C-alpha atoms as a PDB file:
ATOM      1  CA  UNK A   1      66.349 105.978  83.478  1.00  0.00           C
ATOM      2  CA  UNK A   2      68.715 108.632  84.744  1.00  0.00           C
ATOM      3  CA  UNK A   3      72.406 109.134  84.098  1.00  0.00           C
ATOM      4  CA  UNK A   4      73.158 107.861  87.608  1.00  0.00           C
ATOM      5  CA  UNK A   5      71.527 104.516  86.767  1.00  0.00           C
ATOM      6  CA  UNK A   6      73.919 103.786  83.921  1.00  0.00           C
ATOM      7  CA  UNK A   7      77.127 105.696  84.574  1.00  0.00           C
ATOM      8  CA  UNK A   8      80.433 104.002  85.298  1.00  0.00           C
ATOM      9  CA  UNK A   9      81.487 105.115  88.765  1.00  0.00           C
ATOM     10  CA  UNK A  10      83.975 105.805  90.180  1.00  0.00           C
ATOM     11  CA  UNK A  11      85.441 107.147  86.967  1.00  0.00           C
ATOM     12  CA  UNK A  12      89.120 107.193  86.049  1.00  0.00           C
ATOM     13  CA  UNK A  13      90.272 110.750  85.436  1.00  0.00           C
ATOM     14  CA  UNK A  14      93.510 112.399  84.356  1.00  0.00           C
ATOM     15  CA  UNK A  15      95.123 115.796  84.924  1.00  0.00           C
ATOM     16  CA  UNK A  16      96.393 118.288  82.332  1.00  0.00           C
ATOM     17  CA  UNK A  17      99.960 117.326  83.221  1.00  0.00           C
ATOM     18  CA  UNK A  18      99.324 113.587  82.687  1.00  0.00           C
ATOM     19  CA  UNK A  19     101.427 112.392  79.767  1.00  0.00           C
ATOM     20  CA  UNK A  20      99.749 111.468  76.503  1.00  0.00           C
ATOM     21  CA  UNK A  21     101.423 108.079  76.779  1.00  0.00           C
ATOM     22  CA  UNK A  22      99.876 107.388  80.203  1.00  0.00           C
ATOM     23  CA  UNK A  23      96.439 108.508  78.988  1.00  0.00           C
ATOM     24  CA  UNK A  24      96.725 106.140  76.014  1.00  0.00           C
ATOM     25  CA  UNK A  25      97.674 103.302  78.360  1.00  0.00           C
ATOM     26  CA  UNK A  26      94.601 103.971  80.526  1.00  0.00           C
ATOM     27  CA  UNK A  27      92.266 103.996  77.529  1.00  0.00           C
ATOM     28  CA  UNK A  28      93.791 100.795  76.167  1.00  0.00           C
ATOM     29  CA  UNK A  29      93.834  98.986  79.526  1.00  0.00           C
ATOM     30  CA  UNK A  30      90.206  99.714  80.405  1.00  0.00           C
ATOM     31  CA  UNK A  31      88.628  99.819  76.953  1.00  0.00           C
ATOM     32  CA  UNK A  32      87.494 103.424  77.410  1.00  0.00           C
ATOM     33  CA  UNK A  33      86.917 105.916  74.601  1.00  0.00           C
ATOM     34  CA  UNK A  34      87.570 109.076  76.626  1.00  0.00           C
ATOM     35  CA  UNK A  35      88.910 110.308  79.941  1.00  0.00           C
ATOM     36  CA  UNK A  36      87.625 113.339  81.872  1.00  0.00           C
ATOM     37  CA  UNK A  37      90.352 115.840  82.725  1.00  0.00           C
ATOM     38  CA  UNK A  38      90.193 117.406  86.199  1.00  0.00           C
ATOM     39  CA  UNK A  39      92.089 120.009  88.178  1.00  0.00           C
ATOM     40  CA  UNK A  40      93.546 119.651  91.680  1.00  0.00           C
ATOM     41  CA  UNK A  41      90.053 119.908  93.198  1.00  0.00           C
ATOM     42  CA  UNK A  42      88.611 117.180  90.909  1.00  0.00           C
ATOM     43  CA  UNK A  43      86.600 119.755  88.961  1.00  0.00           C
ATOM     44  CA  UNK A  44      86.001 118.958  85.304  1.00  0.00           C
ATOM     45  CA  UNK A  45      88.082 121.148  83.002  1.00  0.00           C
ATOM     46  CA  UNK A  46      88.226 119.083  79.806  1.00  0.00           C
ATOM     47  CA  UNK A  47      88.096 115.696  78.131  1.00  0.00           C
ATOM     48  CA  UNK A  48      90.680 113.732  76.166  1.00  0.00           C
ATOM     49  CA  UNK A  49      89.535 111.151  73.621  1.00  0.00           C
ATOM     50  CA  UNK A  50      90.987 108.420  71.456  1.00  0.00           C
ATOM     51  CA  UNK A  51      90.911 110.818  68.520  1.00  0.00           C
ATOM     52  CA  UNK A  52      92.891 113.418  70.485  1.00  0.00           C
ATOM     53  CA  UNK A  53      95.544 110.852  71.347  1.00  0.00           C
ATOM     54  CA  UNK A  54      96.087 109.454  67.841  1.00  0.00           C
ATOM     55  CA  UNK A  55      96.044 112.773  65.992  1.00  0.00           C
ATOM     56  CA  UNK A  56      99.560 113.418  64.680  1.00  0.00           C
ATOM     57  CA  UNK A  57     101.157 110.770  66.856  1.00  0.00           C
ATOM     58  CA  UNK A  58     101.865 108.118  64.212  1.00  0.00           C
ATOM     59  CA  UNK A  59     104.805 109.096  61.969  1.00  0.00           C
ATOM     60  CA  UNK A  60     104.294 108.932  58.205  1.00  0.00           C
ATOM     61  CA  UNK A  61     106.088 106.293  56.201  1.00  0.00           C
ATOM     62  CA  UNK A  62     108.486 108.217  53.892  1.00  0.00           C
ATOM     63  CA  UNK A  63     108.312 105.463  51.277  1.00  0.00           C
ATOM     64  CA  UNK A  64     104.783 106.486  50.305  1.00  0.00           C
ATOM     65  CA  UNK A  65     103.103 109.619  48.969  1.00  0.00           C
ATOM     66  CA  UNK A  66     100.684 110.924  51.588  1.00  0.00           C
ATOM     67  CA  UNK A  67      97.533 112.943  51.185  1.00  0.00           C
ATOM     68  CA  UNK A  68      98.650 115.226  54.011  1.00  0.00           C
ATOM     69  CA  UNK A  69     102.445 115.108  54.002  1.00  0.00           C
ATOM     70  CA  UNK A  70     102.860 118.072  56.325  1.00  0.00           C
ATOM     71  CA  UNK A  71     104.031 117.144  59.788  1.00  0.00           C
ATOM     72  CA  UNK A  72     101.579 117.549  62.649  1.00  0.00           C
ATOM     73  CA  UNK A  73     102.906 118.630  66.001  1.00  0.00           C
ATOM     74  CA  UNK A  74     101.744 116.089  68.577  1.00  0.00           C
ATOM     75  CA  UNK A  75     101.364 117.314  72.137  1.00  0.00           C
ATOM     76  CA  UNK A  76     103.059 115.429  74.924  1.00  0.00           C
ATOM     77  CA  UNK A  77     100.561 116.004  77.741  1.00  0.00           C
ATOM     78  CA  UNK A  78      96.818 115.706  78.154  1.00  0.00           C
ATOM     79  CA  UNK A  79      96.676 119.488  78.528  1.00  0.00           C
ATOM     80  CA  UNK A  80      98.111 119.828  75.012  1.00  0.00           C
ATOM     81  CA  UNK A  81      95.486 117.538  73.522  1.00  0.00           C
ATOM     82  CA  UNK A  82      92.248 117.850  75.496  1.00  0.00           C
ATOM     83  CA  UNK A  83      89.039 119.575  74.495  1.00  0.00           C
ATOM     84  CA  UNK A  84      88.221 122.331  76.957  1.00  0.00           C
ATOM     85  CA  UNK A  85      85.738 123.190  78.283  1.00  0.00           C
ATOM     86  CA  UNK A  86      84.068 119.791  78.220  1.00  0.00           C
ATOM     87  CA  UNK A  87      80.354 119.113  77.897  1.00  0.00           C
ATOM     88  CA  UNK A  88      78.964 117.350  80.962  1.00  0.00           C
ATOM     89  CA  UNK A  89      75.588 116.378  82.389  1.00  0.00           C
ATOM     90  CA  UNK A  90      74.143 116.024  85.871  1.00  0.00           C
ATOM     91  CA  UNK A  91      73.492 112.686  87.587  1.00  0.00           C
ATOM     92  CA  UNK A  92      69.741 113.278  87.325  1.00  0.00           C
ATOM     93  CA  UNK A  93      69.725 113.818  83.554  1.00  0.00           C
ATOM     94  CA  UNK A  94      67.134 111.756  81.699  1.00  0.00           C
ATOM     95  CA  UNK A  95      68.933 109.068  79.698  1.00  0.00           C
ATOM     96  CA  UNK A  96      66.935 110.021  76.599  1.00  0.00           C
ATOM     97  CA  UNK A  97      68.337 113.563  76.779  1.00  0.00           C
ATOM     98  CA  UNK A  98      71.844 112.202  77.332  1.00  0.00           C
ATOM     99  CA  UNK A  99      71.536 109.954  74.263  1.00  0.00           C
ATOM    100  CA  UNK A 100      70.385 112.870  72.138  1.00  0.00           C
ATOM    101  CA  UNK A 101      73.307 114.979  73.342  1.00  0.00           C
ATOM    102  CA  UNK A 102      75.794 112.245  72.390  1.00  0.00           C
ATOM    103  CA  UNK A 103      74.265 112.034  68.916  1.00  0.00           C
ATOM    104  CA  UNK A 104      73.920 115.786  68.344  1.00  0.00           C
ATOM    105  CA  UNK A 105      77.466 116.565  69.491  1.00  0.00           C
ATOM    106  CA  UNK A 106      78.895 113.482  67.745  1.00  0.00           C
ATOM    107  CA  UNK A 107      80.755 112.462  70.876  1.00  0.00           C
ATOM    108  CA  UNK A 108      81.205 108.973  72.297  1.00  0.00           C
ATOM    109  CA  UNK A 109      81.309 109.690  76.032  1.00  0.00           C
ATOM    110  CA  UNK A 110      79.602 112.074  78.444  1.00  0.00           C
ATOM    111  CA  UNK A 111      81.138 112.966  81.832  1.00  0.00           C
ATOM    112  CA  UNK A 112      78.587 112.974  84.641  1.00  0.00           C
ATOM    113  CA  UNK A 113      78.985 115.606  87.345  1.00  0.00           C
ATOM    114  CA  UNK A 114      77.626 116.440  90.760  1.00  0.00           C
ATOM    115  CA  UNK A 115      78.094 120.170  90.858  1.00  0.00           C
ATOM    116  CA  UNK A 116      81.565 120.613  89.359  1.00  0.00           C
ATOM    117  CA  UNK A 117      82.920 117.259  90.572  1.00  0.00           C
ATOM    118  CA  UNK A 118      83.144 114.367  88.120  1.00  0.00           C
ATOM    119  CA  UNK A 119      81.333 111.339  89.552  1.00  0.00           C
ATOM    120  CA  UNK A 120      80.918 109.086  86.508  1.00  0.00           C
ATOM    121  CA  UNK A 121      80.859 108.715  82.743  1.00  0.00           C
ATOM    122  CA  UNK A 122      78.370 107.294  80.231  1.00  0.00           C
ATOM    123  CA  UNK A 123      79.435 106.101  76.778  1.00  0.00           C
ATOM    124  CA  UNK A 124      77.531 105.144  73.658  1.00  0.00           C
ATOM    125  CA  UNK A 125      78.662 101.587  74.313  1.00  0.00           C
ATOM    126  CA  UNK A 126      77.031 101.631  77.759  1.00  0.00           C
ATOM    127  CA  UNK A 127      73.713 102.583  76.189  1.00  0.00           C
ATOM    128  CA  UNK A 128      74.002 100.031  73.385  1.00  0.00           C
ATOM    129  CA  UNK A 129      74.665  97.283  75.953  1.00  0.00           C
ATOM    130  CA  UNK A 130      71.480  98.256  77.796  1.00  0.00           C
ATOM    131  CA  UNK A 131      69.456  98.227  74.574  1.00  0.00           C
ATOM    132  CA  UNK A 132      70.827  94.751  73.809  1.00  0.00           C
ATOM    133  CA  UNK A 133      69.487  93.231  77.058  1.00  0.00           C
ATOM    134  CA  UNK A 134      67.601  89.978  76.609  1.00  0.00           C
ATOM    135  CA  UNK A 135      63.805  90.291  76.654  1.00  0.00           C
ATOM    136  CA  UNK A 136      63.611  87.543  79.292  1.00  0.00           C
ATOM    137  CA  UNK A 137      65.795  89.566  81.660  1.00  0.00           C
ATOM    138  CA  UNK A 138      63.780  92.708  80.976  1.00  0.00           C
ATOM    139  CA  UNK A 139      60.503  90.881  81.673  1.00  0.00           C
ATOM    140  CA  UNK A 140      61.881  89.527  84.946  1.00  0.00           C
ATOM    141  CA  UNK A 141      62.893  93.001  86.127  1.00  0.00           C
ATOM    142  CA  UNK A 142      59.583  94.567  85.100  1.00  0.00           C
ATOM    143  CA  UNK A 143      57.649  91.811  86.870  1.00  0.00           C
ATOM    144  CA  UNK A 144      59.697  92.286  90.032  1.00  0.00           C
ATOM    145  CA  UNK A 145      59.005  96.019  90.147  1.00  0.00           C
ATOM    146  CA  UNK A 146      55.300  95.586  89.476  1.00  0.00           C
ATOM    147  CA  UNK A 147      54.926  92.892  92.128  1.00  0.00           C
ATOM    148  CA  UNK A 148      56.507  95.196  94.691  1.00  0.00           C
ATOM    149  CA  UNK A 149      54.057  97.909  93.698  1.00  0.00           C
ATOM    150  CA  UNK A 150      50.825  96.007  93.170  1.00  0.00           C
ATOM    151  CA  UNK A 151      51.298  92.472  94.413  1.00  0.00           C
ATOM    152  CA  UNK A 152      51.986  89.149  92.725  1.00  0.00           C
ATOM    153  CA  UNK A 153      49.696  87.415  90.261  1.00  0.00           C
ATOM    154  CA  UNK A 154      48.140  90.664  89.124  1.00  0.00           C
ATOM    155  CA  UNK A 155      50.245  91.445  86.072  1.00  0.00           C
ATOM    156  CA  UNK A 156      50.836  89.653  82.786  1.00  0.00           C
ATOM    157  CA  UNK A 157      53.961  90.892  81.053  1.00  0.00           C
ATOM    158  CA  UNK A 158      55.056  90.394  77.467  1.00  0.00           C
ATOM    159  CA  UNK A 159      58.330  91.801  76.127  1.00  0.00           C
ATOM    160  CA  UNK A 160      59.360  91.797  72.481  1.00  0.00           C
ATOM    161  CA  UNK A 161      62.446  93.644  71.252  1.00  0.00           C
ATOM    162  CA  UNK A 162      62.460  95.759  74.393  1.00  0.00           C
ATOM    163  CA  UNK A 163      58.800  96.781  74.017  1.00  0.00           C
ATOM    164  CA  UNK A 164      56.769  95.927  77.115  1.00  0.00           C
ATOM    165  CA  UNK A 165      53.044  95.131  77.118  1.00  0.00           C
ATOM    166  CA  UNK A 166      51.474  94.926  80.583  1.00  0.00           C
ATOM    167  CA  UNK A 167      48.026  93.447  81.239  1.00  0.00           C
ATOM    168  CA  UNK A 168      46.485  94.352  84.606  1.00  0.00           C
ATOM    169  CA  UNK A 169      43.903  92.049  86.193  1.00  0.00           C
ATOM    170  CA  UNK A 170      42.318  95.087  87.917  1.00  0.00           C
ATOM    171  CA  UNK A 171      40.645  98.024  86.187  1.00  0.00           C
ATOM    172  CA  UNK A 172      42.611 100.901  87.714  1.00  0.00           C
ATOM    173  CA  UNK A 173      43.898 103.651  85.394  1.00  0.00           C
ATOM    174  CA  UNK A 174      46.154 105.127  88.059  1.00  0.00           C
ATOM    175  CA  UNK A 175      47.861 101.818  88.794  1.00  0.00           C
ATOM    176  CA  UNK A 176      48.349 101.156  85.096  1.00  0.00           C
ATOM    177  CA  UNK A 177      49.924 104.587  84.670  1.00  0.00           C
ATOM    178  CA  UNK A 178      52.346 103.861  87.522  1.00  0.00           C
ATOM    179  CA  UNK A 179      53.044 100.402  86.073  1.00  0.00           C
ATOM    180  CA  UNK A 180      54.010 101.945  82.743  1.00  0.00           C
ATOM    181  CA  UNK A 181      56.369 104.412  84.425  1.00  0.00           C
ATOM    182  CA  UNK A 182      57.969 101.619  86.445  1.00  0.00           C
ATOM    183  CA  UNK A 183      58.479  99.570  83.290  1.00  0.00           C
ATOM    184  CA  UNK A 184      60.038 102.489  81.419  1.00  0.00           C
ATOM    185  CA  UNK A 185      62.636 102.804  84.190  1.00  0.00           C
ATOM    186  CA  UNK A 186      63.899  99.251  83.613  1.00  0.00           C
ATOM    187  CA  UNK A 187      67.177  99.068  81.654  1.00  0.00           C
ATOM    188  CA  UNK A 188      66.576  97.881  78.100  1.00  0.00           C
ATOM    189  CA  UNK A 189      62.946  98.973  77.837  1.00  0.00           C
ATOM    190  CA  UNK A 190      62.356 101.137  74.763  1.00  0.00           C
ATOM    191  CA  UNK A 191      58.561 101.451  75.072  1.00  0.00           C
ATOM    192  CA  UNK A 192      55.761 100.321  77.376  1.00  0.00           C
ATOM    193  CA  UNK A 193      51.972 100.190  77.279  1.00  0.00           C
ATOM    194  CA  UNK A 194      49.272  98.772  79.524  1.00  0.00           C
ATOM    195  CA  UNK A 195      45.789  97.305  79.204  1.00  0.00           C
ATOM    196  CA  UNK A 196      43.015  96.051  81.465  1.00  0.00           C
ATOM    197  CA  UNK A 197      42.577  92.269  81.286  1.00  0.00           C
ATOM    198  CA  UNK A 198      38.807  92.602  80.810  1.00  0.00           C
ATOM    199  CA  UNK A 199      39.278  94.755  77.730  1.00  0.00           C
ATOM    200  CA  UNK A 200      41.904  92.380  76.349  1.00  0.00           C
ATOM    201  CA  UNK A 201      39.494  89.422  76.665  1.00  0.00           C
ATOM    202  CA  UNK A 202      36.728  91.283  74.838  1.00  0.00           C
ATOM    203  CA  UNK A 203      38.854  91.930  71.773  1.00  0.00           C
END
């Protein structure tokens, strides 16, 4: 899968002069974790996250002793709060590479760009939802793709916990290689292997 296959698009963006209050409203309204920040030409210049918006914005209760009693100056605009420059990835990025980047950078959302223009966003939640797809739905999608490629009645498909096992009625290594690649491109598939039916019967 590629970033374009999973990204939310069009994506809601904000500008540096957008108020922190409005950014918080957008995150709350849509259930987002982050918003890309763009300039007048819709070019990505930063990102503002939930963490950015809550940092220093809730006043301390004076009735209690606090671990960090010093006051934190909270910015009033997205430009005051955002991380800049922002990490972004291209629409053609392999989803596996995108996942690794989210984990390595410890971020929850990745803006997706076409050139410098923001065209979408992918979050950890988007990926988790794909991984949670029902095996029955995954099997249906794999079967559909394989029937388009090699015809109906040729393939036996078994899916368990997102792992796809494909049995081909014909002994063709090239077709089985293509079948595996087609299966791996189906949302929710975490692994795929193939076998020739004749070999399966002889086991």
